[in-house]
Every structure is written in C-alpha cells, then in structure tokens.
Amino acid sequence: MSTFNVGTLEDCLVLLGSYEPFLNNVQINKDGCIEPFTRSGNIAYEKLRKIIVYLADNGVVDHFDEDLLDSIANGEY
C-alpha cells in the first residue's frame, strides 16, 4: 500500500493526475491574469475545484473560498 503525503497544492494536483502541474516560469495572459499551470496542471486544478465545490455544496466542508485557492495557486499566499 502506498502512502501519500499532501502538504502542498502541488501534491494535490499530482494526486489528481498531473506529473508536473506548475510552469517553470509563471505567465501573464493578455488580460493580466496569472497562468501558473501546465496543461495537465490546469486539468488537475479543475478536478480539485470541482471536488471542493461538491464537498461545499453537500455540507462536507463549511466554506469554499475559490479566490483563496486561486491566490495559493498564483503564489500570492
């Protein structure tokens, strides 16, 4: 049996299928938004977001602060 340690957002994204979730250099898109993820990182991040929304909608977690999650992803937190 394998043991998984989840201590970072990157750990979560790896568990959700992204081998390398973050770009080496963060990119800024034309709208000025930070783009920190690789293609597989974006897919894993969307999976994580959907899981958390489901948990919040069903009362498993009290609150989901999507802006905070984005801030963590962007390295602002």
PDB file of N, CA and C in Angstrom:
ATOM      1  N   MET A   1       0.841  -1.171   0.000  1.00  0.00           N
ATOM      2  CA  MET A   1       0.000   0.000   0.000  1.00  0.00           C
ATOM      3  C   MET A   1       0.888   1.236   0.000  1.00  0.00           C
ATOM      4  N   SER A   2       0.562   2.159  -0.813  1.00  0.00           N
ATOM      5  CA  SER A   2       1.337   3.386  -0.971  1.00  0.00           C
ATOM      6  C   SER A   2       0.824   4.466  -0.021  1.00  0.00           C
ATOM      7  N   THR A   3       1.742   5.264   0.514  1.00  0.00           N
ATOM      8  CA  THR A   3       1.366   6.359   1.397  1.00  0.00           C
ATOM      9  C   THR A   3       1.539   7.674   0.661  1.00  0.00           C
ATOM     10  N   PHE A   4       0.531   8.533   0.740  1.00  0.00           N
ATOM     11  CA  PHE A   4       0.580   9.827   0.087  1.00  0.00           C
ATOM     12  C   PHE A   4       0.621  10.914   1.144  1.00  0.00           C
ATOM     13  N   ASN A   5       1.564  11.800   1.020  1.00  0.00           N
ATOM     14  CA  ASN A   5       1.609  12.974   1.882  1.00  0.00           C
ATOM     15  C   ASN A   5       1.121  14.158   1.074  1.00  0.00           C
ATOM     16  N   VAL A   6       0.153  14.872   1.608  1.00  0.00           N
ATOM     17  CA  VAL A   6      -0.379  16.043   0.942  1.00  0.00           C
ATOM     18  C   VAL A   6      -0.094  17.247   1.825  1.00  0.00           C
ATOM     19  N   GLY A   7       0.890  18.021   1.414  1.00  0.00           N
ATOM     20  CA  GLY A   7       1.261  19.197   2.190  1.00  0.00           C
ATOM     21  C   GLY A   7       1.218  20.475   1.381  1.00  0.00           C
ATOM     22  N   THR A   8       1.026  20.313   0.085  1.00  0.00           N
ATOM     23  CA  THR A   8       1.013  21.476  -0.798  1.00  0.00           C
ATOM     24  C   THR A   8      -0.059  21.303  -1.874  1.00  0.00           C
ATOM     25  N   LEU A   9      -0.370  22.410  -2.521  1.00  0.00           N
ATOM     26  CA  LEU A   9      -1.284  22.348  -3.661  1.00  0.00           C
ATOM     27  C   LEU A   9      -0.695  21.463  -4.755  1.00  0.00           C
ATOM     28  N   GLU A  10       0.597  21.542  -4.951  1.00  0.00           N
ATOM     29  CA  GLU A  10       1.247  20.708  -5.964  1.00  0.00           C
ATOM     30  C   GLU A  10       1.035  19.227  -5.671  1.00  0.00           C
ATOM     31  N   ASP A  11       1.141  18.824  -4.385  1.00  0.00           N
ATOM     32  CA  ASP A  11       0.879  17.433  -4.016  1.00  0.00           C
ATOM     33  C   ASP A  11      -0.531  17.016  -4.431  1.00  0.00           C
ATOM     34  N   CYS A  12      -1.507  17.884  -4.185  1.00  0.00           N
ATOM     35  CA  CYS A  12      -2.895  17.595  -4.565  1.00  0.00           C
ATOM     36  C   CYS A  12      -3.022  17.403  -6.064  1.00  0.00           C
ATOM     37  N   LEU A  13      -2.403  18.296  -6.825  1.00  0.00           N
ATOM     38  CA  LEU A  13      -2.519  18.237  -8.279  1.00  0.00           C
ATOM     39  C   LEU A  13      -1.830  17.013  -8.856  1.00  0.00           C
ATOM     40  N   VAL A  14      -0.732  16.598  -8.238  1.00  0.00           N
ATOM     41  CA  VAL A  14      -0.061  15.363  -8.668  1.00  0.00           C
ATOM     42  C   VAL A  14      -0.978  14.165  -8.404  1.00  0.00           C
ATOM     43  N   LEU A  15      -1.612  14.138  -7.236  1.00  0.00           N
ATOM     44  CA  LEU A  15      -2.544  13.044  -6.934  1.00  0.00           C
ATOM     45  C   LEU A  15      -3.720  13.014  -7.900  1.00  0.00           C
ATOM     46  N   LEU A  16      -4.056  14.175  -8.462  1.00  0.00           N
ATOM     47  CA  LEU A  16      -5.166  14.253  -9.415  1.00  0.00           C
ATOM     48  C   LEU A  16      -4.708  14.075 -10.862  1.00  0.00           C
ATOM     49  N   GLY A  17      -3.460  13.629 -11.047  1.00  0.00           N
ATOM     50  CA  GLY A  17      -3.035  13.200 -12.370  1.00  0.00           C
ATOM     51  C   GLY A  17      -2.042  14.064 -13.109  1.00  0.00           C
ATOM     52  N   SER A  18      -1.577  15.147 -12.525  1.00  0.00           N
ATOM     53  CA  SER A  18      -0.607  15.988 -13.220  1.00  0.00           C
ATOM     54  C   SER A  18       0.794  15.666 -12.730  1.00  0.00           C
ATOM     55  N   TYR A  19       1.634  15.165 -13.624  1.00  0.00           N
ATOM     56  CA  TYR A  19       3.009  14.832 -13.255  1.00  0.00           C
ATOM     57  C   TYR A  19       3.799  16.087 -12.896  1.00  0.00           C
ATOM     58  N   GLU A  20       3.594  17.141 -13.648  1.00  0.00           N
ATOM     59  CA  GLU A  20       4.270  18.417 -13.411  1.00  0.00           C
ATOM     60  C   GLU A  20       3.246  19.539 -13.554  1.00  0.00           C
ATOM     61  N   PRO A  21       2.557  19.914 -12.469  1.00  0.00           N
ATOM     62  CA  PRO A  21       1.434  20.847 -12.561  1.00  0.00           C
ATOM     63  C   PRO A  21       1.800  22.300 -12.816  1.00  0.00           C
ATOM     64  N   PHE A  22       2.952  22.746 -12.346  1.00  0.00           N
ATOM     65  CA  PHE A  22       3.286  24.162 -12.458  1.00  0.00           C
ATOM     66  C   PHE A  22       4.305  24.432 -13.550  1.00  0.00           C
ATOM     67  N   LEU A  23       4.125  25.553 -14.234  1.00  0.00           N
ATOM     68  CA  LEU A  23       5.096  26.017 -15.204  1.00  0.00           C
ATOM     69  C   LEU A  23       6.378  26.424 -14.475  1.00  0.00           C
ATOM     70  N   ASN A  24       7.507  26.324 -15.143  1.00  0.00           N
ATOM     71  CA  ASN A  24       8.763  26.781 -14.544  1.00  0.00           C
ATOM     72  C   ASN A  24       8.745  28.290 -14.342  1.00  0.00           C
ATOM     73  N   ASN A  25       8.141  28.996 -15.273  1.00  0.00           N
ATOM     74  CA  ASN A  25       8.007  30.445 -15.188  1.00  0.00           C
ATOM     75  C   ASN A  25       6.540  30.811 -15.358  1.00  0.00           C
ATOM     76  N   VAL A  26       5.989  31.474 -14.347  1.00  0.00           N
ATOM     77  CA  VAL A  26       4.590  31.895 -14.394  1.00  0.00           C
ATOM     78  C   VAL A  26       4.392  32.825 -15.578  1.00  0.00           C
ATOM     79  N   GLN A  27       3.281  32.662 -16.263  1.00  0.00           N
ATOM     80  CA  GLN A  27       2.973  33.510 -17.411  1.00  0.00           C
ATOM     81  C   GLN A  27       1.824  34.453 -17.058  1.00  0.00           C
ATOM     82  N   ILE A  28       1.813  35.601 -17.694  1.00  0.00           N
ATOM     83  CA  ILE A  28       0.729  36.566 -17.550  1.00  0.00           C
ATOM     84  C   ILE A  28       0.007  36.618 -18.898  1.00  0.00           C
ATOM     85  N   ASN A  29      -1.316  36.351 -18.888  1.00  0.00           N
ATOM     86  CA  ASN A  29      -2.045  36.368 -20.161  1.00  0.00           C
ATOM     87  C   ASN A  29      -2.405  37.796 -20.564  1.00  0.00           C
ATOM     88  N   LYS A  30      -3.059  37.949 -21.687  1.00  0.00           N
ATOM     89  CA  LYS A  30      -3.398  39.276 -22.234  1.00  0.00           C
ATOM     90  C   LYS A  30      -4.303  40.079 -21.319  1.00  0.00           C
ATOM     91  N   ASP A  31      -5.096  39.393 -20.477  1.00  0.00           N
ATOM     92  CA  ASP A  31      -5.994  40.072 -19.533  1.00  0.00           C
ATOM     93  C   ASP A  31      -5.290  40.465 -18.240  1.00  0.00           C
ATOM     94  N   GLY A  32      -4.011  40.120 -18.127  1.00  0.00           N
ATOM     95  CA  GLY A  32      -3.253  40.416 -16.919  1.00  0.00           C
ATOM     96  C   GLY A  32      -3.385  39.358 -15.844  1.00  0.00           C
ATOM     97  N   CYS A  33      -4.035  38.241 -16.164  1.00  0.00           N
ATOM     98  CA  CYS A  33      -4.206  37.157 -15.193  1.00  0.00           C
ATOM     99  C   CYS A  33      -2.965  36.264 -15.170  1.00  0.00           C
ATOM    100  N   ILE A  34      -2.637  35.777 -13.983  1.00  0.00           N
ATOM    101  CA  ILE A  34      -1.503  34.884 -13.812  1.00  0.00           C
ATOM    102  C   ILE A  34      -1.901  33.488 -14.283  1.00  0.00           C
ATOM    103  N   GLU A  35      -1.017  32.859 -15.048  1.00  0.00           N
ATOM    104  CA  GLU A  35      -1.227  31.497 -15.532  1.00  0.00           C
ATOM    105  C   GLU A  35      -0.082  30.635 -15.004  1.00  0.00           C
ATOM    106  N   PRO A  36      -0.290  29.959 -13.856  1.00  0.00           N
ATOM    107  CA  PRO A  36       0.805  29.204 -13.254  1.00  0.00           C
ATOM    108  C   PRO A  36       0.923  27.744 -13.693  1.00  0.00           C
ATOM    109  N   PHE A  37      -0.096  27.223 -14.410  1.00  0.00           N
ATOM    110  CA  PHE A  37      -0.171  25.789 -14.634  1.00  0.00           C
ATOM    111  C   PHE A  37       0.243  25.342 -16.026  1.00  0.00           C
ATOM    112  N   THR A  38       0.743  24.112 -16.070  1.00  0.00           N
ATOM    113  CA  THR A  38       0.919  23.406 -17.332  1.00  0.00           C
ATOM    114  C   THR A  38      -0.469  22.949 -17.781  1.00  0.00           C
ATOM    115  N   ARG A  39      -0.561  22.360 -18.947  1.00  0.00           N
ATOM    116  CA  ARG A  39      -1.856  21.855 -19.437  1.00  0.00           C
ATOM    117  C   ARG A  39      -2.422  20.811 -18.464  1.00  0.00           C
ATOM    118  N   SER A  40      -1.583  19.865 -18.062  1.00  0.00           N
ATOM    119  CA  SER A  40      -2.072  18.831 -17.133  1.00  0.00           C
ATOM    120  C   SER A  40      -2.359  19.430 -15.762  1.00  0.00           C
ATOM    121  N   GLY A  41      -1.633  20.475 -15.384  1.00  0.00           N
ATOM    122  CA  GLY A  41      -1.898  21.163 -14.129  1.00  0.00           C
ATOM    123  C   GLY A  41      -3.263  21.830 -14.133  1.00  0.00           C
ATOM    124  N   ASN A  42      -3.623  22.434 -15.275  1.00  0.00           N
ATOM    125  CA  ASN A  42      -4.948  23.048 -15.407  1.00  0.00           C
ATOM    126  C   ASN A  42      -6.057  22.014 -15.261  1.00  0.00           C
ATOM    127  N   ILE A  43      -5.862  20.852 -15.858  1.00  0.00           N
ATOM    128  CA  ILE A  43      -6.862  19.788 -15.776  1.00  0.00           C
ATOM    129  C   ILE A  43      -7.008  19.318 -14.331  1.00  0.00           C
ATOM    130  N   ALA A  44      -5.892  19.099 -13.648  1.00  0.00           N
ATOM    131  CA  ALA A  44      -5.929  18.648 -12.258  1.00  0.00           C
ATOM    132  C   ALA A  44      -6.530  19.722 -11.348  1.00  0.00           C
ATOM    133  N   TYR A  45      -6.220  20.988 -11.604  1.00  0.00           N
ATOM    134  CA  TYR A  45      -6.757  22.089 -10.794  1.00  0.00           C
ATOM    135  C   TYR A  45      -8.272  22.166 -10.936  1.00  0.00           C
ATOM    136  N   GLU A  46      -8.761  21.974 -12.147  1.00  0.00           N
ATOM    137  CA  GLU A  46     -10.210  21.992 -12.362  1.00  0.00           C
ATOM    138  C   GLU A  46     -10.871  20.807 -11.652  1.00  0.00           C
ATOM    139  N   LYS A  47     -10.221  19.644 -11.654  1.00  0.00           N
ATOM    140  CA  LYS A  47     -10.743  18.498 -10.907  1.00  0.00           C
ATOM    141  C   LYS A  47     -10.821  18.828  -9.418  1.00  0.00           C
ATOM    142  N   LEU A  48      -9.754  19.421  -8.878  1.00  0.00           N
ATOM    143  CA  LEU A  48      -9.727  19.784  -7.470  1.00  0.00           C
ATOM    144  C   LEU A  48     -10.829  20.776  -7.143  1.00  0.00           C
ATOM    145  N   ARG A  49     -10.981  21.785  -7.982  1.00  0.00           N
ATOM    146  CA  ARG A  49     -12.008  22.799  -7.763  1.00  0.00           C
ATOM    147  C   ARG A  49     -13.393  22.158  -7.746  1.00  0.00           C
ATOM    148  N   LYS A  50     -13.662  21.260  -8.677  1.00  0.00           N
ATOM    149  CA  LYS A  50     -14.959  20.592  -8.743  1.00  0.00           C
ATOM    150  C   LYS A  50     -15.200  19.714  -7.513  1.00  0.00           C
ATOM    151  N   ILE A  51     -14.169  19.045  -7.024  1.00  0.00           N
ATOM    152  CA  ILE A  51     -14.299  18.226  -5.820  1.00  0.00           C
ATOM    153  C   ILE A  51     -14.655  19.109  -4.631  1.00  0.00           C
ATOM    154  N   ILE A  52     -13.945  20.231  -4.482  1.00  0.00           N
ATOM    155  CA  ILE A  52     -14.201  21.112  -3.340  1.00  0.00           C
ATOM    156  C   ILE A  52     -15.597  21.733  -3.433  1.00  0.00           C
ATOM    157  N   VAL A  53     -16.019  22.130  -4.623  1.00  0.00           N
ATOM    158  CA  VAL A  53     -17.374  22.681  -4.798  1.00  0.00           C
ATOM    159  C   VAL A  53     -18.406  21.631  -4.413  1.00  0.00           C
ATOM    160  N   TYR A  54     -18.209  20.405  -4.836  1.00  0.00           N
ATOM    161  CA  TYR A  54     -19.130  19.323  -4.470  1.00  0.00           C
ATOM    162  C   TYR A  54     -19.187  19.163  -2.953  1.00  0.00           C
ATOM    163  N   LEU A  55     -18.027  19.135  -2.309  1.00  0.00           N
ATOM    164  CA  LEU A  55     -17.986  18.968  -0.859  1.00  0.00           C
ATOM    165  C   LEU A  55     -18.668  20.125  -0.142  1.00  0.00           C
ATOM    166  N   ALA A  56     -18.457  21.331  -0.621  1.00  0.00           N
ATOM    167  CA  ALA A  56     -19.103  22.510  -0.010  1.00  0.00           C
ATOM    168  C   ALA A  56     -20.608  22.480  -0.241  1.00  0.00           C
ATOM    169  N   ASP A  57     -21.038  22.142  -1.451  1.00  0.00           N
ATOM    170  CA  ASP A  57     -22.472  22.091  -1.759  1.00  0.00           C
ATOM    171  C   ASP A  57     -23.208  21.038  -0.938  1.00  0.00           C
ATOM    172  N   ASN A  58     -22.495  20.008  -0.515  1.00  0.00           N
ATOM    173  CA  ASN A  58     -23.119  18.921   0.231  1.00  0.00           C
ATOM    174  C   ASN A  58     -22.818  18.970   1.729  1.00  0.00           C
ATOM    175  N   GLY A  59     -22.300  20.091   2.182  1.00  0.00           N
ATOM    176  CA  GLY A  59     -22.108  20.307   3.607  1.00  0.00           C
ATOM    177  C   GLY A  59     -20.947  19.568   4.245  1.00  0.00           C
ATOM    178  N   VAL A  60     -20.083  18.990   3.441  1.00  0.00           N
ATOM    179  CA  VAL A  60     -18.933  18.270   3.992  1.00  0.00           C
ATOM    180  C   VAL A  60     -17.886  19.267   4.503  1.00  0.00           C
ATOM    181  N   VAL A  61     -17.713  20.355   3.787  1.00  0.00           N
ATOM    182  CA  VAL A  61     -16.856  21.456   4.238  1.00  0.00           C
ATOM    183  C   VAL A  61     -17.749  22.682   4.397  1.00  0.00           C
ATOM    184  N   ASP A  62     -17.390  23.529   5.344  1.00  0.00           N
ATOM    185  CA  ASP A  62     -18.232  24.679   5.661  1.00  0.00           C
ATOM    186  C   ASP A  62     -18.227  25.756   4.585  1.00  0.00           C
ATOM    187  N   HIS A  63     -17.075  25.977   3.985  1.00  0.00           N
ATOM    188  CA  HIS A  63     -16.948  27.118   3.075  1.00  0.00           C
ATOM    189  C   HIS A  63     -15.833  26.847   2.082  1.00  0.00           C
ATOM    190  N   PHE A  64     -16.044  27.272   0.853  1.00  0.00           N
ATOM    191  CA  PHE A  64     -15.006  27.166  -0.169  1.00  0.00           C
ATOM    192  C   PHE A  64     -14.709  28.566  -0.669  1.00  0.00           C
ATOM    193  N   ASP A  65     -13.508  29.031  -0.399  1.00  0.00           N
ATOM    194  CA  ASP A  65     -13.058  30.346  -0.849  1.00  0.00           C
ATOM    195  C   ASP A  65     -12.223  30.157  -2.111  1.00  0.00           C
ATOM    196  N   GLU A  66     -12.888  30.232  -3.248  1.00  0.00           N
ATOM    197  CA  GLU A  66     -12.215  29.998  -4.524  1.00  0.00           C
ATOM    198  C   GLU A  66     -11.130  31.032  -4.786  1.00  0.00           C
ATOM    199  N   ASP A  67     -11.354  32.270  -4.343  1.00  0.00           N
ATOM    200  CA  ASP A  67     -10.328  33.308  -4.518  1.00  0.00           C
ATOM    201  C   ASP A  67      -9.065  32.953  -3.742  1.00  0.00           C
ATOM    202  N   LEU A  68      -9.215  32.387  -2.550  1.00  0.00           N
ATOM    203  CA  LEU A  68      -8.060  31.978  -1.762  1.00  0.00           C
ATOM    204  C   LEU A  68      -7.314  30.851  -2.467  1.00  0.00           C
ATOM    205  N   LEU A  69      -8.044  29.888  -3.012  1.00  0.00           N
ATOM    206  CA  LEU A  69      -7.405  28.795  -3.751  1.00  0.00           C
ATOM    207  C   LEU A  69      -6.630  29.354  -4.940  1.00  0.00           C
ATOM    208  N   ASP A  70      -7.219  30.276  -5.671  1.00  0.00           N
ATOM    209  CA  ASP A  70      -6.516  30.906  -6.791  1.00  0.00           C
ATOM    210  C   ASP A  70      -5.273  31.644  -6.326  1.00  0.00           C
ATOM    211  N   SER A  71      -5.358  32.323  -5.185  1.00  0.00           N
ATOM    212  CA  SER A  71      -4.197  33.052  -4.644  1.00  0.00           C
ATOM    213  C   SER A  71      -3.064  32.083  -4.301  1.00  0.00           C
ATOM    214  N   ILE A  72      -3.423  30.946  -3.724  1.00  0.00           N
ATOM    215  CA  ILE A  72      -2.411  29.939  -3.408  1.00  0.00           C
ATOM    216  C   ILE A  72      -1.772  29.424  -4.690  1.00  0.00           C
ATOM    217  N   ALA A  73      -2.596  29.153  -5.698  1.00  0.00           N
ATOM    218  CA  ALA A  73      -2.084  28.669  -6.985  1.00  0.00           C
ATOM    219  C   ALA A  73      -1.158  29.682  -7.635  1.00  0.00           C
ATOM    220  N   ASN A  74      -1.465  30.960  -7.460  1.00  0.00           N
ATOM    221  CA  ASN A  74      -0.672  32.018  -8.089  1.00  0.00           C
ATOM    222  C   ASN A  74       0.549  32.407  -7.280  1.00  0.00           C
ATOM    223  N   GLY A  75       0.741  31.739  -6.137  1.00  0.00           N
ATOM    224  CA  GLY A  75       1.902  32.025  -5.305  1.00  0.00           C
ATOM    225  C   GLY A  75       1.778  33.293  -4.490  1.00  0.00           C
ATOM    226  N   GLU A  76       0.552  33.782  -4.319  1.00  0.00           N
ATOM    227  CA  GLU A  76       0.321  35.030  -3.608  1.00  0.00           C
ATOM    228  C   GLU A  76       0.073  34.819  -2.119  1.00  0.00           C
ATOM    229  N   TYR A  77      -0.136  33.592  -1.720  1.00  0.00           N
ATOM    230  CA  TYR A  77      -0.498  33.311  -0.328  1.00  0.00           C
ATOM    231  C   TYR A  77       0.662  32.676   0.390  1.00  0.00           C
TER     232      TYR A  77
END
